[in-house]
PDB file of N, CA and C in Angstrom:
ATOM      1  N   MET A   1     106.206 106.543 115.861  1.00  0.00           N
ATOM      2  CA  MET A   1     106.045 107.358 114.891  1.00  0.00           C
ATOM      3  C   MET A   1     107.416 107.436 113.924  1.00  0.00           C
ATOM      4  N   ARG A   2     108.599 107.048 114.556  1.00  0.00           N
ATOM      5  CA  ARG A   2     109.817 107.136 113.843  1.00  0.00           C
ATOM      6  C   ARG A   2     109.879 106.353 112.783  1.00  0.00           C
ATOM      7  N   SER A   3     108.925 105.309 112.478  1.00  0.00           N
ATOM      8  CA  SER A   3     109.157 104.297 111.711  1.00  0.00           C
ATOM      9  C   SER A   3     108.219 104.491 110.545  1.00  0.00           C
ATOM     10  N   ILE A   4     107.582 105.753 110.504  1.00  0.00           N
ATOM     11  CA  ILE A   4     106.590 106.044 109.433  1.00  0.00           C
ATOM     12  C   ILE A   4     107.364 106.644 108.214  1.00  0.00           C
ATOM     13  N   LYS A   5     107.307 106.141 107.154  1.00  0.00           N
ATOM     14  CA  LYS A   5     107.797 106.780 106.064  1.00  0.00           C
ATOM     15  C   LYS A   5     107.412 107.659 105.298  1.00  0.00           C
ATOM     16  N   GLY A   6     108.255 108.978 104.581  1.00  0.00           N
ATOM     17  CA  GLY A   6     107.650 109.824 104.064  1.00  0.00           C
ATOM     18  C   GLY A   6     108.027 109.847 102.431  1.00  0.00           C
ATOM     19  N   ARG A   7     108.934 108.745 102.226  1.00  0.00           N
ATOM     20  CA  ARG A   7     109.206 108.771 100.679  1.00  0.00           C
ATOM     21  C   ARG A   7     108.830 107.150 100.562  1.00  0.00           C
ATOM     22  N   ASN A   8     108.773 106.887  99.219  1.00  0.00           N
ATOM     23  CA  ASN A   8     109.059 105.408  98.928  1.00  0.00           C
ATOM     24  C   ASN A   8     108.030 104.535  99.172  1.00  0.00           C
ATOM     25  N   THR A   9     106.706 105.255  99.792  1.00  0.00           N
ATOM     26  CA  THR A   9     105.768 104.255 100.323  1.00  0.00           C
ATOM     27  C   THR A   9     105.099 103.469  99.190  1.00  0.00           C
ATOM     28  N   GLY A  10     104.254 102.511  99.667  1.00  0.00           N
ATOM     29  CA  GLY A  10     103.639 101.579  99.013  1.00  0.00           C
ATOM     30  C   GLY A  10     102.705 102.382  97.816  1.00  0.00           C
ATOM     31  N   PRO A  11     101.850 103.249  98.255  1.00  0.00           N
ATOM     32  CA  PRO A  11     100.952 103.974  97.069  1.00  0.00           C
ATOM     33  C   PRO A  11     101.722 104.863  95.906  1.00  0.00           C
ATOM     34  N   GLU A  12     103.036 105.454  96.567  1.00  0.00           N
ATOM     35  CA  GLU A  12     103.658 106.185  96.145  1.00  0.00           C
ATOM     36  C   GLU A  12     104.271 105.397  94.718  1.00  0.00           C
ATOM     37  N   LEU A  13     105.066 104.201  95.004  1.00  0.00           N
ATOM     38  CA  LEU A  13     105.363 103.249  94.329  1.00  0.00           C
ATOM     39  C   LEU A  13     104.530 102.914  93.152  1.00  0.00           C
ATOM     40  N   VAL A  14     103.221 102.710  93.518  1.00  0.00           N
ATOM     41  CA  VAL A  14     102.291 102.351  92.558  1.00  0.00           C
ATOM     42  C   VAL A  14     102.129 103.314  91.485  1.00  0.00           C
ATOM     43  N   VAL A  15     101.803 104.541  91.886  1.00  0.00           N
ATOM     44  CA  VAL A  15     101.758 105.688  91.031  1.00  0.00           C
ATOM     45  C   VAL A  15     103.233 106.049  90.252  1.00  0.00           C
ATOM     46  N   ARG A  16     104.109 105.566  90.760  1.00  0.00           N
ATOM     47  CA  ARG A  16     105.459 105.780  89.689  1.00  0.00           C
ATOM     48  C   ARG A  16     105.587 104.888  88.845  1.00  0.00           C
ATOM     49  N   ARG A  17     105.206 103.657  89.191  1.00  0.00           N
ATOM     50  CA  ARG A  17     105.108 102.385  88.147  1.00  0.00           C
ATOM     51  C   ARG A  17     104.132 102.814  87.182  1.00  0.00           C
ATOM     52  N   ILE A  18     103.079 102.812  87.487  1.00  0.00           N
ATOM     53  CA  ILE A  18     102.023 103.573  86.169  1.00  0.00           C
ATOM     54  C   ILE A  18     102.745 104.585  85.676  1.00  0.00           C
ATOM     55  N   ALA A  19     103.089 105.483  86.093  1.00  0.00           N
ATOM     56  CA  ALA A  19     103.652 107.019  85.559  1.00  0.00           C
ATOM     57  C   ALA A  19     104.699 106.247  84.469  1.00  0.00           C
ATOM     58  N   HIS A  20     105.330 105.705  84.910  1.00  0.00           N
ATOM     59  CA  HIS A  20     106.441 105.264  83.964  1.00  0.00           C
ATOM     60  C   HIS A  20     106.086 104.432  82.945  1.00  0.00           C
ATOM     61  N   ALA A  21     105.440 103.054  83.474  1.00  0.00           N
ATOM     62  CA  ALA A  21     104.970 102.584  82.352  1.00  0.00           C
ATOM     63  C   ALA A  21     104.101 103.124  81.202  1.00  0.00           C
ATOM     64  N   MET A  22     103.276 104.254  81.537  1.00  0.00           N
ATOM     65  CA  MET A  22     102.763 105.181  80.573  1.00  0.00           C
ATOM     66  C   MET A  22     103.716 106.034  79.519  1.00  0.00           C
ATOM     67  N   GLY A  23     105.041 106.050  80.073  1.00  0.00           N
ATOM     68  CA  GLY A  23     106.296 106.677  78.955  1.00  0.00           C
ATOM     69  C   GLY A  23     106.184 108.057  79.746  1.00  0.00           C
ATOM     70  N   TYR A  24     105.888 108.681  80.838  1.00  0.00           N
ATOM     71  CA  TYR A  24     106.285 109.751  81.351  1.00  0.00           C
ATOM     72  C   TYR A  24     107.730 109.340  82.608  1.00  0.00           C
ATOM     73  N   ARG A  25     108.378 110.297  82.215  1.00  0.00           N
ATOM     74  CA  ARG A  25     109.727 110.633  83.016  1.00  0.00           C
ATOM     75  C   ARG A  25     109.734 111.877  83.815  1.00  0.00           C
ATOM     76  N   PHE A  26     109.945 111.689  85.189  1.00  0.00           N
ATOM     77  CA  PHE A  26     109.859 112.570  86.192  1.00  0.00           C
ATOM     78  C   PHE A  26     111.163 112.341  87.550  1.00  0.00           C
ATOM     79  N   ARG A  27     110.973 113.514  88.028  1.00  0.00           N
ATOM     80  CA  ARG A  27     112.090 113.545  88.980  1.00  0.00           C
ATOM     81  C   ARG A  27     111.172 113.404  90.499  1.00  0.00           C
ATOM     82  N   LEU A  28     112.070 112.866  91.351  1.00  0.00           N
ATOM     83  CA  LEU A  28     111.495 112.357  92.650  1.00  0.00           C
ATOM     84  C   LEU A  28     111.905 113.341  93.728  1.00  0.00           C
ATOM     85  N   HIS A  29     110.670 114.017  94.349  1.00  0.00           N
ATOM     86  CA  HIS A  29     111.101 114.230  95.817  1.00  0.00           C
ATOM     87  C   HIS A  29     111.958 115.742  95.546  1.00  0.00           C
ATOM     88  N   ARG A  30     111.701 116.599  94.769  1.00  0.00           N
ATOM     89  CA  ARG A  30     112.255 117.980  94.348  1.00  0.00           C
ATOM     90  C   ARG A  30     112.143 118.650  95.662  1.00  0.00           C
ATOM     91  N   LYS A  31     113.353 118.868  96.391  1.00  0.00           N
ATOM     92  CA  LYS A  31     113.524 119.920  97.585  1.00  0.00           C
ATOM     93  C   LYS A  31     113.474 121.366  97.222  1.00  0.00           C
ATOM     94  N   ASP A  32     113.719 121.472  96.119  1.00  0.00           N
ATOM     95  CA  ASP A  32     113.581 122.938  95.603  1.00  0.00           C
ATOM     96  C   ASP A  32     112.131 123.458  95.334  1.00  0.00           C
ATOM     97  N   LEU A  33     111.111 122.499  95.371  1.00  0.00           N
ATOM     98  CA  LEU A  33     109.645 122.912  95.292  1.00  0.00           C
ATOM     99  C   LEU A  33     108.988 122.892  96.554  1.00  0.00           C
ATOM    100  N   PRO A  34     107.968 123.810  96.787  1.00  0.00           N
ATOM    101  CA  PRO A  34     107.065 123.659  98.018  1.00  0.00           C
ATOM    102  C   PRO A  34     106.567 122.405  97.921  1.00  0.00           C
ATOM    103  N   GLY A  35     106.743 121.967  99.458  1.00  0.00           N
ATOM    104  CA  GLY A  35     106.003 120.472  99.845  1.00  0.00           C
ATOM    105  C   GLY A  35     106.646 119.211  99.294  1.00  0.00           C
ATOM    106  N   THR A  36     108.090 119.338  98.694  1.00  0.00           N
ATOM    107  CA  THR A  36     108.536 118.263  98.076  1.00  0.00           C
ATOM    108  C   THR A  36     107.888 117.496  97.366  1.00  0.00           C
ATOM    109  N   PRO A  37     107.274 117.894  96.159  1.00  0.00           N
ATOM    110  CA  PRO A  37     106.489 116.792  95.246  1.00  0.00           C
ATOM    111  C   PRO A  37     107.018 115.453  95.345  1.00  0.00           C
ATOM    112  N   ASP A  38     106.229 114.398  95.327  1.00  0.00           N
ATOM    113  CA  ASP A  38     106.716 112.954  95.077  1.00  0.00           C
ATOM    114  C   ASP A  38     107.036 112.804  93.730  1.00  0.00           C
ATOM    115  N   LEU A  39     106.302 113.370  92.737  1.00  0.00           N
ATOM    116  CA  LEU A  39     107.047 113.028  91.529  1.00  0.00           C
ATOM    117  C   LEU A  39     106.842 114.755  90.826  1.00  0.00           C
ATOM    118  N   ALA A  40     107.648 115.027  90.122  1.00  0.00           N
ATOM    119  CA  ALA A  40     107.688 116.323  89.478  1.00  0.00           C
ATOM    120  C   ALA A  40     108.230 116.326  88.074  1.00  0.00           C
ATOM    121  N   PHE A  41     107.272 116.984  87.199  1.00  0.00           N
ATOM    122  CA  PHE A  41     107.604 116.682  85.608  1.00  0.00           C
ATOM    123  C   PHE A  41     107.868 118.153  85.423  1.00  0.00           C
ATOM    124  N   ALA A  42     109.042 118.522  85.164  1.00  0.00           N
ATOM    125  CA  ALA A  42     109.842 119.853  85.264  1.00  0.00           C
ATOM    126  C   ALA A  42     109.181 120.434  83.913  1.00  0.00           C
ATOM    127  N   GLY A  43     109.473 119.546  83.035  1.00  0.00           N
ATOM    128  CA  GLY A  43     109.121 120.311  81.361  1.00  0.00           C
ATOM    129  C   GLY A  43     107.865 120.838  81.155  1.00  0.00           C
ATOM    130  N   ARG A  44     106.888 120.155  81.925  1.00  0.00           N
ATOM    131  CA  ARG A  44     105.373 120.387  82.005  1.00  0.00           C
ATOM    132  C   ARG A  44     104.949 121.128  83.163  1.00  0.00           C
ATOM    133  N   ARG A  45     105.939 121.564  84.118  1.00  0.00           N
ATOM    134  CA  ARG A  45     105.792 122.069  85.233  1.00  0.00           C
ATOM    135  C   ARG A  45     104.579 121.584  86.102  1.00  0.00           C
ATOM    136  N   LYS A  46     104.378 120.583  86.149  1.00  0.00           N
ATOM    137  CA  LYS A  46     103.345 119.762  86.948  1.00  0.00           C
ATOM    138  C   LYS A  46     104.090 118.975  88.137  1.00  0.00           C
ATOM    139  N   ALA A  47     103.076 118.799  89.091  1.00  0.00           N
ATOM    140  CA  ALA A  47     103.818 118.347  90.592  1.00  0.00           C
ATOM    141  C   ALA A  47     102.755 117.147  90.832  1.00  0.00           C
ATOM    142  N   ILE A  48     102.806 116.127  91.391  1.00  0.00           N
ATOM    143  CA  ILE A  48     102.151 115.098  91.930  1.00  0.00           C
ATOM    144  C   ILE A  48     102.281 114.886  93.419  1.00  0.00           C
ATOM    145  N   PHE A  49     101.314 114.911  94.455  1.00  0.00           N
ATOM    146  CA  PHE A  49     101.420 114.320  95.597  1.00  0.00           C
ATOM    147  C   PHE A  49     100.731 113.194  95.851  1.00  0.00           C
ATOM    148  N   VAL A  50     101.537 112.177  96.490  1.00  0.00           N
ATOM    149  CA  VAL A  50     100.680 110.906  96.640  1.00  0.00           C
ATOM    150  C   VAL A  50     100.560 111.102  98.395  1.00  0.00           C
ATOM    151  N   ASN A  51      99.179 111.459  98.760  1.00  0.00           N
ATOM    152  CA  ASN A  51      98.997 111.569 100.240  1.00  0.00           C
ATOM    153  C   ASN A  51      98.235 110.173 100.850  1.00  0.00           C
ATOM    154  N   GLY A  52      98.687 110.188 101.864  1.00  0.00           N
ATOM    155  CA  GLY A  52      98.328 108.847 102.779  1.00  0.00           C
ATOM    156  C   GLY A  52      96.868 109.509 103.377  1.00  0.00           C
ATOM    157  N   CYS A  53      96.023 108.693 103.099  1.00  0.00           N
ATOM    158  CA  CYS A  53      94.569 109.186 103.973  1.00  0.00           C
ATOM    159  C   CYS A  53      94.610 109.537 105.234  1.00  0.00           C
ATOM    160  N   LEU A  54      95.281 108.946 105.986  1.00  0.00           N
ATOM    161  CA  LEU A  54      95.094 108.925 107.634  1.00  0.00           C
ATOM    162  C   LEU A  54      95.973 110.423 107.887  1.00  0.00           C
ATOM    163  N   TRP A  55      97.273 110.590 107.154  1.00  0.00           N
ATOM    164  CA  TRP A  55      98.104 111.583 107.558  1.00  0.00           C
ATOM    165  C   TRP A  55      97.626 113.142 107.073  1.00  0.00           C
ATOM    166  N   HIS A  56      97.019 112.948 106.122  1.00  0.00           N
ATOM    167  CA  HIS A  56      96.219 114.300 105.423  1.00  0.00           C
ATOM    168  C   HIS A  56      94.712 114.436 105.486  1.00  0.00           C
ATOM    169  N   GLY A  57      94.008 113.711 106.225  1.00  0.00           N
ATOM    170  CA  GLY A  57      92.897 113.812 106.531  1.00  0.00           C
ATOM    171  C   GLY A  57      91.680 113.921 105.550  1.00  0.00           C
ATOM    172  N   HIS A  58      92.001 112.795 104.673  1.00  0.00           N
ATOM    173  CA  HIS A  58      91.080 112.702 103.375  1.00  0.00           C
ATOM    174  C   HIS A  58      89.550 112.387 103.621  1.00  0.00           C
ATOM    175  N   GLY A  59      89.317 111.716 104.498  1.00  0.00           N
ATOM    176  CA  GLY A  59      87.816 111.587 104.808  1.00  0.00           C
ATOM    177  C   GLY A  59      87.412 110.252 104.464  1.00  0.00           C
ATOM    178  N   CYS A  60      88.121 109.692 103.856  1.00  0.00           N
ATOM    179  CA  CYS A  60      87.391 108.168 103.349  1.00  0.00           C
ATOM    180  C   CYS A  60      87.628 107.121 104.308  1.00  0.00           C
ATOM    181  N   ARG A  61      87.327 105.937 104.013  1.00  0.00           N
ATOM    182  CA  ARG A  61      87.354 105.002 104.894  1.00  0.00           C
ATOM    183  C   ARG A  61      88.662 104.306 105.817  1.00  0.00           C
ATOM    184  N   LEU A  62      89.620 104.858 105.202  1.00  0.00           N
ATOM    185  CA  LEU A  62      91.029 104.570 105.573  1.00  0.00           C
ATOM    186  C   LEU A  62      91.196 105.542 106.665  1.00  0.00           C
ATOM    187  N   THR A  63      90.593 106.678 106.823  1.00  0.00           N
ATOM    188  CA  THR A  63      90.871 107.913 107.682  1.00  0.00           C
ATOM    189  C   THR A  63      90.219 107.760 108.950  1.00  0.00           C
ATOM    190  N   ARG A  64      90.904 107.433 109.760  1.00  0.00           N
ATOM    191  CA  ARG A  64      90.432 107.227 111.334  1.00  0.00           C
ATOM    192  C   ARG A  64      91.409 107.697 112.093  1.00  0.00           C
ATOM    193  N   VAL A  65      90.584 108.595 113.140  1.00  0.00           N
ATOM    194  CA  VAL A  65      91.663 109.242 114.035  1.00  0.00           C
ATOM    195  C   VAL A  65      91.768 108.669 115.137  1.00  0.00           C
ATOM    196  N   PRO A  66      92.825 108.283 115.547  1.00  0.00           N
ATOM    197  CA  PRO A  66      93.428 107.403 116.734  1.00  0.00           C
ATOM    198  C   PRO A  66      92.536 107.783 117.970  1.00  0.00           C
ATOM    199  N   ARG A  67      92.000 106.868 118.813  1.00  0.00           N
ATOM    200  CA  ARG A  67      91.217 107.042 119.930  1.00  0.00           C
ATOM    201  C   ARG A  67      92.019 107.612 121.247  1.00  0.00           C
ATOM    202  N   SER A  68      93.269 107.110 121.453  1.00  0.00           N
ATOM    203  CA  SER A  68      94.064 107.623 122.426  1.00  0.00           C
ATOM    204  C   SER A  68      94.572 108.780 121.911  1.00  0.00           C
ATOM    205  N   ASN A  69      94.907 109.950 122.862  1.00  0.00           N
ATOM    206  CA  ASN A  69      95.497 111.492 122.524  1.00  0.00           C
ATOM    207  C   ASN A  69      94.682 111.929 121.440  1.00  0.00           C
ATOM    208  N   ARG A  70      93.398 112.180 121.570  1.00  0.00           N
ATOM    209  CA  ARG A  70      92.632 112.511 120.604  1.00  0.00           C
ATOM    210  C   ARG A  70      92.934 113.968 120.060  1.00  0.00           C
ATOM    211  N   ALA A  71      93.168 114.776 121.115  1.00  0.00           N
ATOM    212  CA  ALA A  71      93.388 116.224 120.688  1.00  0.00           C
ATOM    213  C   ALA A  71      94.774 116.349 120.090  1.00  0.00           C
ATOM    214  N   PHE A  72      95.716 115.524 120.447  1.00  0.00           N
ATOM    215  CA  PHE A  72      97.127 115.825 119.667  1.00  0.00           C
ATOM    216  C   PHE A  72      96.761 115.489 118.200  1.00  0.00           C
ATOM    217  N   TRP A  73      96.128 114.249 117.816  1.00  0.00           N
ATOM    218  CA  TRP A  73      95.798 113.935 116.429  1.00  0.00           C
ATOM    219  C   TRP A  73      94.844 114.652 115.705  1.00  0.00           C
ATOM    220  N   VAL A  74      93.892 115.522 116.280  1.00  0.00           N
ATOM    221  CA  VAL A  74      92.888 116.139 115.581  1.00  0.00           C
ATOM    222  C   VAL A  74      93.734 117.589 115.114  1.00  0.00           C
ATOM    223  N   ALA A  75      94.538 118.029 116.318  1.00  0.00           N
ATOM    224  CA  ALA A  75      95.593 119.172 116.091  1.00  0.00           C
ATOM    225  C   ALA A  75      96.444 118.945 114.883  1.00  0.00           C
ATOM    226  N   LYS A  76      97.160 117.862 114.966  1.00  0.00           N
ATOM    227  CA  LYS A  76      98.108 117.388 113.974  1.00  0.00           C
ATOM    228  C   LYS A  76      97.492 117.265 112.581  1.00  0.00           C
ATOM    229  N   LEU A  77      96.622 116.496 112.592  1.00  0.00           N
ATOM    230  CA  LEU A  77      95.826 116.583 110.881  1.00  0.00           C
ATOM    231  C   LEU A  77      95.178 117.670 110.538  1.00  0.00           C
ATOM    232  N   THR A  78      94.900 118.945 111.310  1.00  0.00           N
ATOM    233  CA  THR A  78      94.516 120.034 110.895  1.00  0.00           C
ATOM    234  C   THR A  78      95.717 120.852 110.440  1.00  0.00           C
ATOM    235  N   ARG A  79      96.938 120.441 111.159  1.00  0.00           N
ATOM    236  CA  ARG A  79      98.101 121.322 110.700  1.00  0.00           C
ATOM    237  C   ARG A  79      98.448 120.746 109.498  1.00  0.00           C
ATOM    238  N   ASN A  80      98.569 119.595 109.268  1.00  0.00           N
ATOM    239  CA  ASN A  80      99.108 118.980 107.884  1.00  0.00           C
ATOM    240  C   ASN A  80      97.823 119.481 106.772  1.00  0.00           C
ATOM    241  N   ARG A  81      96.724 119.404 106.825  1.00  0.00           N
ATOM    242  CA  ARG A  81      95.890 120.030 105.867  1.00  0.00           C
ATOM    243  C   ARG A  81      96.112 121.566 105.445  1.00  0.00           C
ATOM    244  N   ALA A  82      96.519 122.179 106.593  1.00  0.00           N
ATOM    245  CA  ALA A  82      96.836 123.582 106.491  1.00  0.00           C
ATOM    246  C   ALA A  82      98.209 123.800 105.626  1.00  0.00           C
ATOM    247  N   ARG A  83      99.165 122.742 106.205  1.00  0.00           N
ATOM    248  CA  ARG A  83     100.478 122.885 105.299  1.00  0.00           C
ATOM    249  C   ARG A  83     100.190 122.656 103.946  1.00  0.00           C
ATOM    250  N   ASP A  84      99.295 121.762 103.522  1.00  0.00           N
ATOM    251  CA  ASP A  84      99.169 121.369 102.433  1.00  0.00           C
ATOM    252  C   ASP A  84      98.703 122.229 101.418  1.00  0.00           C
ATOM    253  N   GLU A  85      97.814 123.041 101.712  1.00  0.00           N
ATOM    254  CA  GLU A  85      97.225 124.224 101.237  1.00  0.00           C
ATOM    255  C   GLU A  85      98.335 125.140 101.074  1.00  0.00           C
ATOM    256  N   ARG A  86      98.942 125.381 102.104  1.00  0.00           N
ATOM    257  CA  ARG A  86     100.094 126.556 101.975  1.00  0.00           C
ATOM    258  C   ARG A  86     101.047 126.251 100.551  1.00  0.00           C
ATOM    259  N   ASN A  87     101.304 124.703 100.766  1.00  0.00           N
ATOM    260  CA  ASN A  87     102.290 124.270  99.779  1.00  0.00           C
ATOM    261  C   ASN A  87     101.731 124.311  98.132  1.00  0.00           C
ATOM    262  N   ALA A  88     100.331 124.175  98.176  1.00  0.00           N
ATOM    263  CA  ALA A  88      99.718 124.104  96.812  1.00  0.00           C
ATOM    264  C   ALA A  88      99.665 125.703  96.211  1.00  0.00           C
ATOM    265  N   VAL A  89      99.358 126.849  97.219  1.00  0.00           N
ATOM    266  CA  VAL A  89      99.494 128.050  97.088  1.00  0.00           C
ATOM    267  C   VAL A  89     100.772 128.360  96.714  1.00  0.00           C
ATOM    268  N   ALA A  90     101.708 127.834  97.295  1.00  0.00           N
ATOM    269  CA  ALA A  90     103.103 128.465  96.791  1.00  0.00           C
ATOM    270  C   ALA A  90     103.536 127.820  95.492  1.00  0.00           C
ATOM    271  N   LEU A  91     103.178 126.622  95.093  1.00  0.00           N
ATOM    272  CA  LEU A  91     103.426 125.777  93.950  1.00  0.00           C
ATOM    273  C   LEU A  91     102.650 126.757  92.873  1.00  0.00           C
ATOM    274  N   SER A  92     101.335 127.190  92.809  1.00  0.00           N
ATOM    275  CA  SER A  92     100.986 127.979  92.031  1.00  0.00           C
ATOM    276  C   SER A  92     101.408 129.357  91.662  1.00  0.00           C
ATOM    277  N   ALA A  93     101.874 129.698  92.576  1.00  0.00           N
ATOM    278  CA  ALA A  93     102.832 130.970  92.588  1.00  0.00           C
ATOM    279  C   ALA A  93     103.648 130.751  91.659  1.00  0.00           C
ATOM    280  N   LEU A  94     104.411 129.803  91.616  1.00  0.00           N
ATOM    281  CA  LEU A  94     105.849 129.584  90.898  1.00  0.00           C
ATOM    282  C   LEU A  94     105.225 129.268  89.566  1.00  0.00           C
ATOM    283  N   GLY A  95     103.816 128.922  89.383  1.00  0.00           N
ATOM    284  CA  GLY A  95     103.417 128.614  87.934  1.00  0.00           C
ATOM    285  C   GLY A  95     103.287 126.889  87.937  1.00  0.00           C
ATOM    286  N   TRP A  96     103.520 126.256  88.924  1.00  0.00           N
ATOM    287  CA  TRP A  96     103.177 124.975  88.644  1.00  0.00           C
ATOM    288  C   TRP A  96     101.955 124.101  88.856  1.00  0.00           C
ATOM    289  N   GLN A  97     101.341 123.631  88.324  1.00  0.00           N
ATOM    290  CA  GLN A  97     100.024 122.757  88.709  1.00  0.00           C
ATOM    291  C   GLN A  97     100.335 121.682  89.574  1.00  0.00           C
ATOM    292  N   HIS A  98      99.254 121.530  90.149  1.00  0.00           N
ATOM    293  CA  HIS A  98      99.617 120.193  91.104  1.00  0.00           C
ATOM    294  C   HIS A  98      98.316 119.238  91.109  1.00  0.00           C
ATOM    295  N   LEU A  99      98.665 117.919  91.189  1.00  0.00           N
ATOM    296  CA  LEU A  99      97.507 116.829  91.592  1.00  0.00           C
ATOM    297  C   LEU A  99      97.852 115.810  92.947  1.00  0.00           C
ATOM    298  N   VAL A 100      96.665 115.914  93.804  1.00  0.00           N
ATOM    299  CA  VAL A 100      97.182 114.927  94.925  1.00  0.00           C
ATOM    300  C   VAL A 100      96.223 113.850  94.353  1.00  0.00           C
ATOM    301  N   ILE A 101      96.989 112.427  94.482  1.00  0.00           N
ATOM    302  CA  ILE A 101      96.267 111.236  94.684  1.00  0.00           C
ATOM    303  C   ILE A 101      96.540 110.635  95.705  1.00  0.00           C
ATOM    304  N   TRP A 102      95.370 110.037  96.422  1.00  0.00           N
ATOM    305  CA  TRP A 102      95.002 109.699  97.590  1.00  0.00           C
ATOM    306  C   TRP A 102      95.307 108.144  97.675  1.00  0.00           C
ATOM    307  N   GLU A 103      96.054 107.903  99.059  1.00  0.00           N
ATOM    308  CA  GLU A 103      96.360 106.429  99.224  1.00  0.00           C
ATOM    309  C   GLU A 103      95.032 105.526  98.637  1.00  0.00           C
ATOM    310  N   CYS A 104      93.874 105.760  99.112  1.00  0.00           N
ATOM    311  CA  CYS A 104      92.753 105.037  98.500  1.00  0.00           C
ATOM    312  C   CYS A 104      92.373 104.599  97.014  1.00  0.00           C
ATOM    313  N   GLU A 105      92.784 105.904  96.445  1.00  0.00           N
ATOM    314  CA  GLU A 105      92.525 105.813  95.097  1.00  0.00           C
ATOM    315  C   GLU A 105      93.842 105.017  94.265  1.00  0.00           C
ATOM    316  N   THR A 106      94.979 104.718  94.773  1.00  0.00           N
ATOM    317  CA  THR A 106      95.909 103.999  94.062  1.00  0.00           C
ATOM    318  C   THR A 106      95.519 102.463  94.223  1.00  0.00           C
ATOM    319  N   GLN A 107      94.411 102.065  95.027  1.00  0.00           N
ATOM    320  CA  GLN A 107      94.014 100.632  94.949  1.00  0.00           C
ATOM    321  C   GLN A 107      93.290 100.258  93.597  1.00  0.00           C
ATOM    322  N   ASP A 108      92.753 101.222  92.767  1.00  0.00           N
ATOM    323  CA  ASP A 108      92.196 101.035  91.314  1.00  0.00           C
ATOM    324  C   ASP A 108      93.424 101.536  90.321  1.00  0.00           C
ATOM    325  N   GLY A 109      94.067 100.709  89.851  1.00  0.00           N
ATOM    326  CA  GLY A 109      94.851 101.292  88.733  1.00  0.00           C
ATOM    327  C   GLY A 109      94.436 101.882  87.743  1.00  0.00           C
ATOM    328  N   GLU A 110      93.371 101.655  87.347  1.00  0.00           N
ATOM    329  CA  GLU A 110      92.633 102.355  85.936  1.00  0.00           C
ATOM    330  C   GLU A 110      92.265 103.721  86.328  1.00  0.00           C
ATOM    331  N   LEU A 111      92.057 103.859  87.610  1.00  0.00           N
ATOM    332  CA  LEU A 111      91.675 105.225  88.268  1.00  0.00           C
ATOM    333  C   LEU A 111      92.869 105.919  88.078  1.00  0.00           C
ATOM    334  N   VAL A 112      94.006 105.597  88.524  1.00  0.00           N
ATOM    335  CA  VAL A 112      95.194 106.233  88.635  1.00  0.00           C
ATOM    336  C   VAL A 112      95.932 106.608  87.153  1.00  0.00           C
ATOM    337  N   VAL A 113      95.364 105.563  85.944  1.00  0.00           N
ATOM    338  CA  VAL A 113      95.842 105.724  85.061  1.00  0.00           C
ATOM    339  C   VAL A 113      95.238 106.910  84.253  1.00  0.00           C
ATOM    340  N   GLN A 114      93.978 106.708  84.505  1.00  0.00           N
ATOM    341  CA  GLN A 114      93.127 107.926  83.956  1.00  0.00           C
ATOM    342  C   GLN A 114      93.214 109.276  84.648  1.00  0.00           C
ATOM    343  N   MET A 115      93.594 109.360  85.793  1.00  0.00           N
ATOM    344  CA  MET A 115      93.905 110.574  86.304  1.00  0.00           C
ATOM    345  C   MET A 115      95.075 111.065  85.660  1.00  0.00           C
ATOM    346  N   LEU A 116      96.246 110.579  85.930  1.00  0.00           N
ATOM    347  CA  LEU A 116      97.406 111.069  85.307  1.00  0.00           C
ATOM    348  C   LEU A 116      97.443 111.633  83.764  1.00  0.00           C
ATOM    349  N   ARG A 117      96.609 110.504  83.028  1.00  0.00           N
ATOM    350  CA  ARG A 117      96.317 110.864  81.204  1.00  0.00           C
ATOM    351  C   ARG A 117      95.604 112.245  81.344  1.00  0.00           C
ATOM    352  N   ASP A 118      94.707 112.363  82.204  1.00  0.00           N
ATOM    353  CA  ASP A 118      93.831 113.897  82.414  1.00  0.00           C
ATOM    354  C   ASP A 118      94.732 114.793  82.689  1.00  0.00           C
ATOM    355  N   PHE A 119      95.437 114.735  83.848  1.00  0.00           N
ATOM    356  CA  PHE A 119      96.526 115.767  84.419  1.00  0.00           C
ATOM    357  C   PHE A 119      97.754 116.135  83.450  1.00  0.00           C
ATOM    358  N   LEU A 120      98.294 115.048  83.021  1.00  0.00           N
ATOM    359  CA  LEU A 120      99.592 115.221  82.422  1.00  0.00           C
ATOM    360  C   LEU A 120      99.347 115.338  80.757  1.00  0.00           C
ATOM    361  N   GLY A 121      98.166 114.963  80.240  1.00  0.00           N
ATOM    362  CA  GLY A 121      97.948 115.156  78.802  1.00  0.00           C
ATOM    363  C   GLY A 121      98.292 114.263  77.839  1.00  0.00           C
TER     364      GLY A 121
END
């Protein structure tokens, strides 16, 4: 697990490239915001999280709980989802809106463009 990256992942880079090409400017991994969003649009008070389907328990075809040490993984994924929910509530309390883009959704560039357009205006 040491080699698992939390930043600059493939799906995150896809979203960043699309957002930049659309003309949006953003800050990366703002540590002063709950959950350290992958992209933060301070002027709009909006944050985007690009979540891996496995690590955050999306439930799509990419989500598969490992067969070995199953109890550990189920507990870990449950904690990850609870942490995501706490971060979303904390962001809302600060007056920020957030969007979660899942790893499986980044495979369709047009979907990401539409999601960004709808969320950022």
